[in-house]
PDB file of N, CA and C in Angstrom:
ATOM      1  N   MET A   1     109.810  64.531  79.895  1.00  0.00           N
ATOM      2  CA  MET A   1     108.770  64.959  78.992  1.00  0.00           C
ATOM      3  C   MET A   1     107.424  64.880  79.709  1.00  0.00           C
ATOM      4  N   MET A   2     106.682  65.986  79.672  1.00  0.00           N
ATOM      5  CA  MET A   2     105.372  66.006  80.315  1.00  0.00           C
ATOM      6  C   MET A   2     104.366  65.199  79.501  1.00  0.00           C
ATOM      7  N   ARG A   3     103.493  64.492  80.232  1.00  0.00           N
ATOM      8  CA  ARG A   3     102.405  63.720  79.613  1.00  0.00           C
ATOM      9  C   ARG A   3     101.109  64.501  79.824  1.00  0.00           C
ATOM     10  N   ILE A   4     100.500  64.917  78.708  1.00  0.00           N
ATOM     11  CA  ILE A   4      99.316  65.769  78.749  1.00  0.00           C
ATOM     12  C   ILE A   4      98.119  65.031  78.162  1.00  0.00           C
ATOM     13  N   LEU A   5      97.078  64.905  78.968  1.00  0.00           N
ATOM     14  CA  LEU A   5      95.826  64.329  78.499  1.00  0.00           C
ATOM     15  C   LEU A   5      95.073  65.378  77.691  1.00  0.00           C
ATOM     16  N   VAL A   6      94.645  65.000  76.495  1.00  0.00           N
ATOM     17  CA  VAL A   6      93.833  65.867  75.651  1.00  0.00           C
ATOM     18  C   VAL A   6      92.462  65.225  75.506  1.00  0.00           C
ATOM     19  N   VAL A   7      91.421  65.962  75.918  1.00  0.00           N
ATOM     20  CA  VAL A   7      90.042  65.493  75.795  1.00  0.00           C
ATOM     21  C   VAL A   7      89.318  66.460  74.870  1.00  0.00           C
ATOM     22  N   GLU A   8      89.009  65.984  73.681  1.00  0.00           N
ATOM     23  CA  GLU A   8      88.396  66.811  72.633  1.00  0.00           C
ATOM     24  C   GLU A   8      87.653  65.892  71.677  1.00  0.00           C
ATOM     25  N   ASP A   9      86.390  66.192  71.390  1.00  0.00           N
ATOM     26  CA  ASP A   9      85.604  65.317  70.522  1.00  0.00           C
ATOM     27  C   ASP A   9      85.574  65.748  69.064  1.00  0.00           C
ATOM     28  N   GLU A  10      86.093  66.910  68.746  1.00  0.00           N
ATOM     29  CA  GLU A  10      86.179  67.322  67.345  1.00  0.00           C
ATOM     30  C   GLU A  10      87.523  66.864  66.808  1.00  0.00           C
ATOM     31  N   PHE A  11      87.491  65.920  65.885  1.00  0.00           N
ATOM     32  CA  PHE A  11      88.693  65.235  65.422  1.00  0.00           C
ATOM     33  C   PHE A  11      89.789  66.195  64.963  1.00  0.00           C
ATOM     34  N   VAL A  12      89.441  67.164  64.142  1.00  0.00           N
ATOM     35  CA  VAL A  12      90.452  68.083  63.615  1.00  0.00           C
ATOM     36  C   VAL A  12      91.091  68.890  64.740  1.00  0.00           C
ATOM     37  N   LEU A  13      90.278  69.376  65.677  1.00  0.00           N
ATOM     38  CA  LEU A  13      90.832  70.117  66.815  1.00  0.00           C
ATOM     39  C   LEU A  13      91.709  69.231  67.680  1.00  0.00           C
ATOM     40  N   ALA A  14      91.293  67.989  67.887  1.00  0.00           N
ATOM     41  CA  ALA A  14      92.096  67.060  68.685  1.00  0.00           C
ATOM     42  C   ALA A  14      93.453  66.839  68.030  1.00  0.00           C
ATOM     43  N   MET A  15      93.465  66.664  66.724  1.00  0.00           N
ATOM     44  CA  MET A  15      94.726  66.449  66.022  1.00  0.00           C
ATOM     45  C   MET A  15      95.613  67.696  66.092  1.00  0.00           C
ATOM     46  N   ASP A  16      95.010  68.874  65.954  1.00  0.00           N
ATOM     47  CA  ASP A  16      95.778  70.120  66.078  1.00  0.00           C
ATOM     48  C   ASP A  16      96.381  70.240  67.471  1.00  0.00           C
ATOM     49  N   LEU A  17      95.579  69.977  68.500  1.00  0.00           N
ATOM     50  CA  LEU A  17      96.090  70.048  69.871  1.00  0.00           C
ATOM     51  C   LEU A  17      97.203  69.035  70.078  1.00  0.00           C
ATOM     52  N   GLU A  18      97.014  67.839  69.554  1.00  0.00           N
ATOM     53  CA  GLU A  18      98.034  66.804  69.710  1.00  0.00           C
ATOM     54  C   GLU A  18      99.347  67.237  69.057  1.00  0.00           C
ATOM     55  N   GLN A  19      99.271  67.780  67.846  1.00  0.00           N
ATOM     56  CA  GLN A  19     100.491  68.200  67.148  1.00  0.00           C
ATOM     57  C   GLN A  19     101.167  69.361  67.868  1.00  0.00           C
ATOM     58  N   GLU A  20     100.381  70.313  68.341  1.00  0.00           N
ATOM     59  CA  GLU A  20     100.973  71.456  69.050  1.00  0.00           C
ATOM     60  C   GLU A  20     101.679  71.007  70.323  1.00  0.00           C
ATOM     61  N   ARG A  21     101.079  70.081  71.076  1.00  0.00           N
ATOM     62  CA  ARG A  21     101.722  69.569  72.286  1.00  0.00           C
ATOM     63  C   ARG A  21     103.033  68.883  71.952  1.00  0.00           C
ATOM     64  N   ALA A  22     103.015  68.086  70.893  1.00  0.00           N
ATOM     65  CA  ALA A  22     104.245  67.396  70.483  1.00  0.00           C
ATOM     66  C   ALA A  22     105.304  68.420  70.095  1.00  0.00           C
ATOM     67  N   ASP A  23     104.906  69.473  69.388  1.00  0.00           N
ATOM     68  CA  ASP A  23     105.847  70.523  68.995  1.00  0.00           C
ATOM     69  C   ASP A  23     106.431  71.236  70.207  1.00  0.00           C
ATOM     70  N   LEU A  24     105.683  71.260  71.307  1.00  0.00           N
ATOM     71  CA  LEU A  24     106.145  71.907  72.533  1.00  0.00           C
ATOM     72  C   LEU A  24     106.836  70.928  73.479  1.00  0.00           C
ATOM     73  N   GLY A  25     107.114  69.716  72.994  1.00  0.00           N
ATOM     74  CA  GLY A  25     107.877  68.753  73.786  1.00  0.00           C
ATOM     75  C   GLY A  25     107.062  67.941  74.767  1.00  0.00           C
ATOM     76  N   CYS A  26     105.800  67.756  74.499  1.00  0.00           N
ATOM     77  CA  CYS A  26     104.942  66.970  75.389  1.00  0.00           C
ATOM     78  C   CYS A  26     104.511  65.673  74.705  1.00  0.00           C
ATOM     79  N   GLN A  27     104.270  64.681  75.526  1.00  0.00           N
ATOM     80  CA  GLN A  27     103.675  63.455  75.027  1.00  0.00           C
ATOM     81  C   GLN A  27     102.178  63.537  75.291  1.00  0.00           C
ATOM     82  N   VAL A  28     101.394  63.309  74.263  1.00  0.00           N
ATOM     83  CA  VAL A  28      99.944  63.403  74.398  1.00  0.00           C
ATOM     84  C   VAL A  28      99.377  62.068  74.834  1.00  0.00           C
ATOM     85  N   VAL A  29      98.543  62.101  75.854  1.00  0.00           N
ATOM     86  CA  VAL A  29      97.770  60.941  76.289  1.00  0.00           C
ATOM     87  C   VAL A  29      96.400  61.122  75.667  1.00  0.00           C
ATOM     88  N   GLY A  30      95.942  60.156  74.906  1.00  0.00           N
ATOM     89  CA  GLY A  30      94.710  60.266  74.138  1.00  0.00           C
ATOM     90  C   GLY A  30      95.062  60.611  72.705  1.00  0.00           C
ATOM     91  N   PRO A  31      94.359  61.502  72.074  1.00  0.00           N
ATOM     92  CA  PRO A  31      93.255  62.268  72.608  1.00  0.00           C
ATOM     93  C   PRO A  31      92.018  61.400  72.827  1.00  0.00           C
ATOM     94  N   ALA A  32      91.228  61.799  73.806  1.00  0.00           N
ATOM     95  CA  ALA A  32      89.986  61.105  74.127  1.00  0.00           C
ATOM     96  C   ALA A  32      88.821  61.963  73.636  1.00  0.00           C
ATOM     97  N   GLY A  33      87.988  61.369  72.832  1.00  0.00           N
ATOM     98  CA  GLY A  33      86.844  62.091  72.294  1.00  0.00           C
ATOM     99  C   GLY A  33      85.520  61.678  72.903  1.00  0.00           C
ATOM    100  N   ARG A  34      85.562  60.690  73.781  1.00  0.00           N
ATOM    101  CA  ARG A  34      84.347  60.208  74.436  1.00  0.00           C
ATOM    102  C   ARG A  34      84.525  60.276  75.950  1.00  0.00           C
ATOM    103  N   ARG A  35      83.424  60.531  76.627  1.00  0.00           N
ATOM    104  CA  ARG A  35      83.434  60.691  78.081  1.00  0.00           C
ATOM    105  C   ARG A  35      84.016  59.468  78.793  1.00  0.00           C
ATOM    106  N   ASP A  36      83.595  58.266  78.413  1.00  0.00           N
ATOM    107  CA  ASP A  36      84.071  57.053  79.076  1.00  0.00           C
ATOM    108  C   ASP A  36      85.561  56.834  78.871  1.00  0.00           C
ATOM    109  N   HIS A  37      86.049  57.142  77.678  1.00  0.00           N
ATOM    110  CA  HIS A  37      87.482  57.012  77.402  1.00  0.00           C
ATOM    111  C   HIS A  37      88.276  58.020  78.230  1.00  0.00           C
ATOM    112  N   ALA A  38      87.776  59.250  78.294  1.00  0.00           N
ATOM    113  CA  ALA A  38      88.445  60.290  79.082  1.00  0.00           C
ATOM    114  C   ALA A  38      88.509  59.898  80.555  1.00  0.00           C
ATOM    115  N   LEU A  39      87.405  59.382  81.089  1.00  0.00           N
ATOM    116  CA  LEU A  39      87.379  58.953  82.493  1.00  0.00           C
ATOM    117  C   LEU A  39      88.369  57.831  82.752  1.00  0.00           C
ATOM    118  N   SER A  40      88.437  56.879  81.836  1.00  0.00           N
ATOM    119  CA  SER A  40      89.365  55.764  81.987  1.00  0.00           C
ATOM    120  C   SER A  40      90.810  56.255  82.021  1.00  0.00           C
ATOM    121  N   LEU A  41      91.181  57.099  81.078  1.00  0.00           N
ATOM    122  CA  LEU A  41      92.546  57.631  81.035  1.00  0.00           C
ATOM    123  C   LEU A  41      92.844  58.476  82.271  1.00  0.00           C
ATOM    124  N   ALA A  42      91.881  59.297  82.677  1.00  0.00           N
ATOM    125  CA  ALA A  42      92.080  60.181  83.838  1.00  0.00           C
ATOM    126  C   ALA A  42      92.327  59.392  85.111  1.00  0.00           C
ATOM    127  N   GLY A  43      91.716  58.224  85.217  1.00  0.00           N
ATOM    128  CA  GLY A  43      91.842  57.446  86.436  1.00  0.00           C
ATOM    129  C   GLY A  43      93.015  56.506  86.479  1.00  0.00           C
ATOM    130  N   THR A  44      93.624  56.231  85.317  1.00  0.00           N
ATOM    131  CA  THR A  44      94.639  55.181  85.291  1.00  0.00           C
ATOM    132  C   THR A  44      96.006  55.591  84.748  1.00  0.00           C
ATOM    133  N   GLU A  45      96.055  56.557  83.888  1.00  0.00           N
ATOM    134  CA  GLU A  45      97.307  56.892  83.203  1.00  0.00           C
ATOM    135  C   GLU A  45      98.169  57.847  84.024  1.00  0.00           C
ATOM    136  N   PRO A  46      99.490  57.718  83.896  1.00  0.00           N
ATOM    137  CA  PRO A  46     100.358  58.755  84.467  1.00  0.00           C
ATOM    138  C   PRO A  46     100.231  60.020  83.612  1.00  0.00           C
ATOM    139  N   ILE A  47      99.783  61.092  84.236  1.00  0.00           N
ATOM    140  CA  ILE A  47      99.486  62.342  83.523  1.00  0.00           C
ATOM    141  C   ILE A  47     100.041  63.507  84.341  1.00  0.00           C
ATOM    142  N   ASP A  48     100.631  64.485  83.640  1.00  0.00           N
ATOM    143  CA  ASP A  48     101.162  65.674  84.307  1.00  0.00           C
ATOM    144  C   ASP A  48     100.232  66.875  84.216  1.00  0.00           C
ATOM    145  N   GLY A  49      99.241  66.809  83.334  1.00  0.00           N
ATOM    146  CA  GLY A  49      98.284  67.892  83.164  1.00  0.00           C
ATOM    147  C   GLY A  49      97.249  67.465  82.139  1.00  0.00           C
ATOM    148  N   ALA A  50      96.139  68.202  82.078  1.00  0.00           N
ATOM    149  CA  ALA A  50      95.075  67.837  81.146  1.00  0.00           C
ATOM    150  C   ALA A  50      94.438  69.073  80.536  1.00  0.00           C
ATOM    151  N   LEU A  51      94.173  68.974  79.245  1.00  0.00           N
ATOM    152  CA  LEU A  51      93.446  69.989  78.502  1.00  0.00           C
ATOM    153  C   LEU A  51      92.100  69.397  78.140  1.00  0.00           C
ATOM    154  N   LEU A  52      91.030  69.997  78.656  1.00  0.00           N
ATOM    155  CA  LEU A  52      89.702  69.424  78.540  1.00  0.00           C
ATOM    156  C   LEU A  52      88.747  70.356  77.820  1.00  0.00           C
ATOM    157  N   ASP A  53      88.089  69.841  76.789  1.00  0.00           N
ATOM    158  CA  ASP A  53      86.935  70.536  76.247  1.00  0.00           C
ATOM    159  C   ASP A  53      85.826  70.347  77.280  1.00  0.00           C
ATOM    160  N   ILE A  54      84.971  71.314  77.469  1.00  0.00           N
ATOM    161  CA  ILE A  54      83.902  71.183  78.463  1.00  0.00           C
ATOM    162  C   ILE A  54      82.840  70.195  77.992  1.00  0.00           C
ATOM    163  N   ASN A  55      82.420  70.329  76.736  1.00  0.00           N
ATOM    164  CA  ASN A  55      81.297  69.553  76.249  1.00  0.00           C
ATOM    165  C   ASN A  55      81.754  68.564  75.184  1.00  0.00           C
ATOM    166  N   LEU A  56      81.479  67.285  75.436  1.00  0.00           N
ATOM    167  CA  LEU A  56      81.695  66.251  74.437  1.00  0.00           C
ATOM    168  C   LEU A  56      80.331  65.865  73.874  1.00  0.00           C
ATOM    169  N   ASN A  57      80.316  65.178  72.752  1.00  0.00           N
ATOM    170  CA  ASN A  57      79.046  64.773  72.142  1.00  0.00           C
ATOM    171  C   ASN A  57      78.186  63.949  73.089  1.00  0.00           C
ATOM    172  N   ASN A  58      78.807  63.225  74.011  1.00  0.00           N
ATOM    173  CA  ASN A  58      78.028  62.357  74.897  1.00  0.00           C
ATOM    174  C   ASN A  58      78.104  62.796  76.365  1.00  0.00           C
ATOM    175  N   GLY A  59      78.266  64.089  76.615  1.00  0.00           N
ATOM    176  CA  GLY A  59      78.274  64.585  77.988  1.00  0.00           C
ATOM    177  C   GLY A  59      79.389  65.585  78.221  1.00  0.00           C
ATOM    178  N   ASP A  60      79.441  66.102  79.439  1.00  0.00           N
ATOM    179  CA  ASP A  60      80.492  67.068  79.773  1.00  0.00           C
ATOM    180  C   ASP A  60      81.697  66.351  80.387  1.00  0.00           C
ATOM    181  N   THR A  61      82.730  67.116  80.656  1.00  0.00           N
ATOM    182  CA  THR A  61      83.979  66.550  81.190  1.00  0.00           C
ATOM    183  C   THR A  61      84.179  66.857  82.672  1.00  0.00           C
ATOM    184  N   PHE A  62      83.136  67.290  83.361  1.00  0.00           N
ATOM    185  CA  PHE A  62      83.283  67.668  84.762  1.00  0.00           C
ATOM    186  C   PHE A  62      83.693  66.487  85.641  1.00  0.00           C
ATOM    187  N   GLU A  63      83.155  65.310  85.394  1.00  0.00           N
ATOM    188  CA  GLU A  63      83.549  64.144  86.192  1.00  0.00           C
ATOM    189  C   GLU A  63      85.017  63.797  85.953  1.00  0.00           C
ATOM    190  N   THR A  64      85.435  63.861  84.696  1.00  0.00           N
ATOM    191  CA  THR A  64      86.847  63.619  84.370  1.00  0.00           C
ATOM    192  C   THR A  64      87.733  64.631  85.081  1.00  0.00           C
ATOM    193  N   ALA A  65      87.332  65.897  85.056  1.00  0.00           N
ATOM    194  CA  ALA A  65      88.102  66.952  85.731  1.00  0.00           C
ATOM    195  C   ALA A  65      88.197  66.672  87.223  1.00  0.00           C
ATOM    196  N   GLY A  66      87.107  66.214  87.820  1.00  0.00           N
ATOM    197  CA  GLY A  66      87.115  65.893  89.248  1.00  0.00           C
ATOM    198  C   GLY A  66      88.059  64.755  89.579  1.00  0.00           C
ATOM    199  N   VAL A  67      88.100  63.737  88.738  1.00  0.00           N
ATOM    200  CA  VAL A  67      89.028  62.611  88.937  1.00  0.00           C
ATOM    201  C   VAL A  67      90.463  63.117  88.875  1.00  0.00           C
ATOM    202  N   LEU A  68      90.744  63.962  87.897  1.00  0.00           N
ATOM    203  CA  LEU A  68      92.101  64.495  87.754  1.00  0.00           C
ATOM    204  C   LEU A  68      92.481  65.359  88.955  1.00  0.00           C
ATOM    205  N   GLN A  69      91.572  66.228  89.376  1.00  0.00           N
ATOM    206  CA  GLN A  69      91.868  67.070  90.539  1.00  0.00           C
ATOM    207  C   GLN A  69      92.099  66.230  91.786  1.00  0.00           C
ATOM    208  N   ALA A  70      91.317  65.164  91.960  1.00  0.00           N
ATOM    209  CA  ALA A  70      91.497  64.287  93.128  1.00  0.00           C
ATOM    210  C   ALA A  70      92.872  63.627  93.105  1.00  0.00           C
ATOM    211  N   ARG A  71      93.416  63.421  91.923  1.00  0.00           N
ATOM    212  CA  ARG A  71      94.757  62.847  91.786  1.00  0.00           C
ATOM    213  C   ARG A  71      95.849  63.912  91.873  1.00  0.00           C
ATOM    214  N   GLY A  72      95.465  65.173  92.011  1.00  0.00           N
ATOM    215  CA  GLY A  72      96.440  66.261  92.097  1.00  0.00           C
ATOM    216  C   GLY A  72      96.999  66.668  90.749  1.00  0.00           C
ATOM    217  N   ILE A  73      96.283  66.361  89.676  1.00  0.00           N
ATOM    218  CA  ILE A  73      96.732  66.675  88.318  1.00  0.00           C
ATOM    219  C   ILE A  73      96.100  67.989  87.886  1.00  0.00           C
ATOM    220  N   PRO A  74      96.912  68.963  87.462  1.00  0.00           N
ATOM    221  CA  PRO A  74      96.349  70.251  87.048  1.00  0.00           C
ATOM    222  C   PRO A  74      95.580  70.120  85.734  1.00  0.00           C
ATOM    223  N   ILE A  75      94.533  70.929  85.615  1.00  0.00           N
ATOM    224  CA  ILE A  75      93.693  70.913  84.427  1.00  0.00           C
ATOM    225  C   ILE A  75      93.513  72.317  83.891  1.00  0.00           C
ATOM    226  N   ALA A  76      93.158  72.388  82.620  1.00  0.00           N
ATOM    227  CA  ALA A  76      92.726  73.634  81.993  1.00  0.00           C
ATOM    228  C   ALA A  76      91.643  73.270  80.991  1.00  0.00           C
ATOM    229  N   PHE A  77      90.627  74.104  80.911  1.00  0.00           N
ATOM    230  CA  PHE A  77      89.569  73.890  79.933  1.00  0.00           C
ATOM    231  C   PHE A  77      89.897  74.664  78.666  1.00  0.00           C
ATOM    232  N   VAL A  78      89.796  73.998  77.541  1.00  0.00           N
ATOM    233  CA  VAL A  78      89.965  74.606  76.228  1.00  0.00           C
ATOM    234  C   VAL A  78      88.624  74.391  75.532  1.00  0.00           C
ATOM    235  N   THR A  79      87.866  75.452  75.394  1.00  0.00           N
ATOM    236  CA  THR A  79      86.457  75.300  75.044  1.00  0.00           C
ATOM    237  C   THR A  79      85.942  76.454  74.205  1.00  0.00           C
ATOM    238  N   GLY A  80      84.812  76.243  73.605  1.00  0.00           N
ATOM    239  CA  GLY A  80      84.115  77.308  72.909  1.00  0.00           C
ATOM    240  C   GLY A  80      83.096  77.998  73.797  1.00  0.00           C
ATOM    241  N   TYR A  81      82.937  77.506  75.039  1.00  0.00           N
ATOM    242  CA  TYR A  81      81.952  78.047  75.972  1.00  0.00           C
ATOM    243  C   TYR A  81      82.572  79.141  76.832  1.00  0.00           C
ATOM    244  N   ARG A  82      82.404  80.363  76.414  1.00  0.00           N
ATOM    245  CA  ARG A  82      82.973  81.497  77.143  1.00  0.00           C
ATOM    246  C   ARG A  82      82.249  81.740  78.465  1.00  0.00           C
ATOM    247  N   ASP A  83      80.928  81.583  78.466  1.00  0.00           N
ATOM    248  CA  ASP A  83      80.139  81.986  79.623  1.00  0.00           C
ATOM    249  C   ASP A  83      79.598  80.834  80.460  1.00  0.00           C
ATOM    250  N   ARG A  84      79.875  79.608  80.100  1.00  0.00           N
ATOM    251  CA  ARG A  84      79.317  78.484  80.867  1.00  0.00           C
ATOM    252  C   ARG A  84      79.979  78.415  82.239  1.00  0.00           C
ATOM    253  N   ALA A  85      79.164  78.388  83.272  1.00  0.00           N
ATOM    254  CA  ALA A  85      79.676  78.314  84.638  1.00  0.00           C
ATOM    255  C   ALA A  85      80.280  76.935  84.890  1.00  0.00           C
ATOM    256  N   LEU A  86      81.364  76.929  85.623  1.00  0.00           N
ATOM    257  CA  LEU A  86      82.005  75.678  86.016  1.00  0.00           C
ATOM    258  C   LEU A  86      81.614  75.381  87.454  1.00  0.00           C
ATOM    259  N   PRO A  87      81.275  74.131  87.741  1.00  0.00           N
ATOM    260  CA  PRO A  87      80.793  73.798  89.080  1.00  0.00           C
ATOM    261  C   PRO A  87      81.894  73.760  90.136  1.00  0.00           C
ATOM    262  N   GLY A  88      81.536  74.186  91.349  1.00  0.00           N
ATOM    263  CA  GLY A  88      82.357  74.038  92.554  1.00  0.00           C
ATOM    264  C   GLY A  88      83.840  74.243  92.376  1.00  0.00           C
ATOM    265  N   PRO A  89      84.633  73.199  92.704  1.00  0.00           N
ATOM    266  CA  PRO A  89      86.085  73.335  92.690  1.00  0.00           C
ATOM    267  C   PRO A  89      86.671  73.516  91.290  1.00  0.00           C
ATOM    268  N   LEU A  90      85.870  73.305  90.259  1.00  0.00           N
ATOM    269  CA  LEU A  90      86.364  73.498  88.892  1.00  0.00           C
ATOM    270  C   LEU A  90      86.339  74.961  88.475  1.00  0.00           C
ATOM    271  N   ALA A  91      85.625  75.781  89.238  1.00  0.00           N
ATOM    272  CA  ALA A  91      85.452  77.185  88.884  1.00  0.00           C
ATOM    273  C   ALA A  91      86.780  77.935  88.798  1.00  0.00           C
ATOM    274  N   GLU A  92      87.779  77.476  89.518  1.00  0.00           N
ATOM    275  CA  GLU A  92      89.080  78.156  89.529  1.00  0.00           C
ATOM    276  C   GLU A  92      90.030  77.661  88.445  1.00  0.00           C
ATOM    277  N   ALA A  93      89.626  76.634  87.710  1.00  0.00           N
ATOM    278  CA  ALA A  93      90.505  76.081  86.669  1.00  0.00           C
ATOM    279  C   ALA A  93      90.659  77.092  85.529  1.00  0.00           C
ATOM    280  N   PRO A  94      91.848  77.173  84.966  1.00  0.00           N
ATOM    281  CA  PRO A  94      92.031  78.064  83.819  1.00  0.00           C
ATOM    282  C   PRO A  94      91.109  77.662  82.673  1.00  0.00           C
ATOM    283  N   ARG A  95      90.657  78.665  81.924  1.00  0.00           N
ATOM    284  CA  ARG A  95      89.804  78.419  80.765  1.00  0.00           C
ATOM    285  C   ARG A  95      90.328  79.255  79.608  1.00  0.00           C
ATOM    286  N   ARG A  96      90.536  78.612  78.480  1.00  0.00           N
ATOM    287  CA  ARG A  96      90.943  79.302  77.270  1.00  0.00           C
ATOM    288  C   ARG A  96      89.890  79.022  76.204  1.00  0.00           C
ATOM    289  N   ILE A  97      89.594  80.035  75.419  1.00  0.00           N
ATOM    290  CA  ILE A  97      88.573  79.923  74.390  1.00  0.00           C
ATOM    291  C   ILE A  97      89.227  79.483  73.077  1.00  0.00           C
ATOM    292  N   LYS A  98      88.594  78.491  72.435  1.00  0.00           N
ATOM    293  CA  LYS A  98      89.088  77.996  71.153  1.00  0.00           C
ATOM    294  C   LYS A  98      88.926  79.078  70.097  1.00  0.00           C
ATOM    295  N   PRO A  99      89.835  79.152  69.171  1.00  0.00           N
ATOM    296  CA  PRO A  99      91.089  78.393  69.105  1.00  0.00           C
ATOM    297  C   PRO A  99      92.138  79.026  70.010  1.00  0.00           C
ATOM    298  N   VAL A 100      92.929  78.200  70.668  1.00  0.00           N
ATOM    299  CA  VAL A 100      93.977  78.705  71.541  1.00  0.00           C
ATOM    300  C   VAL A 100      95.234  78.974  70.735  1.00  0.00           C
ATOM    301  N   THR A 101      95.992  79.947  71.181  1.00  0.00           N
ATOM    302  CA  THR A 101      97.245  80.273  70.512  1.00  0.00           C
ATOM    303  C   THR A 101      98.374  79.436  71.100  1.00  0.00           C
ATOM    304  N   THR A 102      99.458  79.367  70.386  1.00  0.00           N
ATOM    305  CA  THR A 102     100.633  78.660  70.890  1.00  0.00           C
ATOM    306  C   THR A 102     101.116  79.297  72.177  1.00  0.00           C
ATOM    307  N   ARG A 103     101.043  80.619  72.272  1.00  0.00           N
ATOM    308  CA  ARG A 103     101.457  81.306  73.502  1.00  0.00           C
ATOM    309  C   ARG A 103     100.580  80.879  74.686  1.00  0.00           C
ATOM    310  N   GLU A 104      99.263  80.797  74.466  1.00  0.00           N
ATOM    311  CA  GLU A 104      98.365  80.350  75.535  1.00  0.00           C
ATOM    312  C   GLU A 104      98.698  78.929  75.965  1.00  0.00           C
ATOM    313  N   LEU A 105      98.997  78.082  75.006  1.00  0.00           N
ATOM    314  CA  LEU A 105      99.362  76.704  75.337  1.00  0.00           C
ATOM    315  C   LEU A 105     100.660  76.648  76.126  1.00  0.00           C
ATOM    316  N   ARG A 106     101.625  77.446  75.720  1.00  0.00           N
ATOM    317  CA  ARG A 106     102.892  77.493  76.471  1.00  0.00           C
ATOM    318  C   ARG A 106     102.657  77.931  77.906  1.00  0.00           C
ATOM    319  N   ASP A 107     101.790  78.929  78.088  1.00  0.00           N
ATOM    320  CA  ASP A 107     101.479  79.414  79.437  1.00  0.00           C
ATOM    321  C   ASP A 107     100.828  78.320  80.283  1.00  0.00           C
ATOM    322  N   ILE A 108      99.883  77.593  79.696  1.00  0.00           N
ATOM    323  CA  ILE A 108      99.222  76.502  80.415  1.00  0.00           C
ATOM    324  C   ILE A 108     100.231  75.424  80.780  1.00  0.00           C
ATOM    325  N   LEU A 109     101.072  75.035  79.827  1.00  0.00           N
ATOM    326  CA  LEU A 109     102.064  73.990  80.083  1.00  0.00           C
ATOM    327  C   LEU A 109     103.075  74.434  81.134  1.00  0.00           C
ATOM    328  N   ALA A 110     103.433  75.710  81.133  1.00  0.00           N
ATOM    329  CA  ALA A 110     104.347  76.231  82.151  1.00  0.00           C
ATOM    330  C   ALA A 110     103.685  76.142  83.540  1.00  0.00           C
ATOM    331  N   ARG A 111     102.405  76.415  83.609  1.00  0.00           N
ATOM    332  CA  ARG A 111     101.676  76.302  84.877  1.00  0.00           C
ATOM    333  C   ARG A 111     101.659  74.832  85.349  1.00  0.00           C
ATOM    334  N   PHE A 112     101.419  73.921  84.402  1.00  0.00           N
ATOM    335  CA  PHE A 112     101.443  72.499  84.741  1.00  0.00           C
ATOM    336  C   PHE A 112     102.825  72.100  85.261  1.00  0.00           C
ATOM    337  N   ALA A 113     103.875  72.546  84.578  1.00  0.00           N
ATOM    338  CA  ALA A 113     105.244  72.199  84.967  1.00  0.00           C
ATOM    339  C   ALA A 113     105.566  72.743  86.353  1.00  0.00           C
ATOM    340  N   ALA A 114     105.067  73.938  86.662  1.00  0.00           N
ATOM    341  CA  ALA A 114     105.333  74.544  87.966  1.00  0.00           C
ATOM    342  C   ALA A 114     104.729  73.722  89.096  1.00  0.00           C
ATOM    343  N   THR A 115     103.620  73.043  88.839  1.00  0.00           N
ATOM    344  CA  THR A 115     103.006  72.231  89.897  1.00  0.00           C
ATOM    345  C   THR A 115     103.773  70.938  90.113  1.00  0.00           C
ATOM    346  N   ARG A 116     104.572  70.535  89.132  1.00  0.00           N
ATOM    347  CA  ARG A 116     105.370  69.306  89.269  1.00  0.00           C
ATOM    348  C   ARG A 116     106.610  69.538  90.109  1.00  0.00           C
ATOM    349  N   SER A 117     107.068  70.775  90.183  1.00  0.00           N
ATOM    350  CA  SER A 117     108.319  71.084  90.886  1.00  0.00           C
ATOM    351  C   SER A 117     108.187  70.975  92.381  1.00  0.00           C
TER     352      SER A 117
END
């Protein structure tokens, strides 16, 4: 079972993402709604992939994304920011605009699974 970190500060969206991941056979790590919590989980937990909102109430998730990438963990941004530029090595990360469909989530999870093989 894949372990997926969910970083989302809107409670209802976090719960929806958590339920959808569980329905797709994943174990959710988090969800983390605060930057410090996300950083802690990203640096310490066994994770197979991460779904990150770009903007949290107390900052962005770019540092968390960098920690995950340094660990070789694939990431995808799930955000309402269609046009916000992603810095440096994050620019190539997949980005899906909220609300994401189940098909989009399956595609992201399949990409994560492919990196584990």
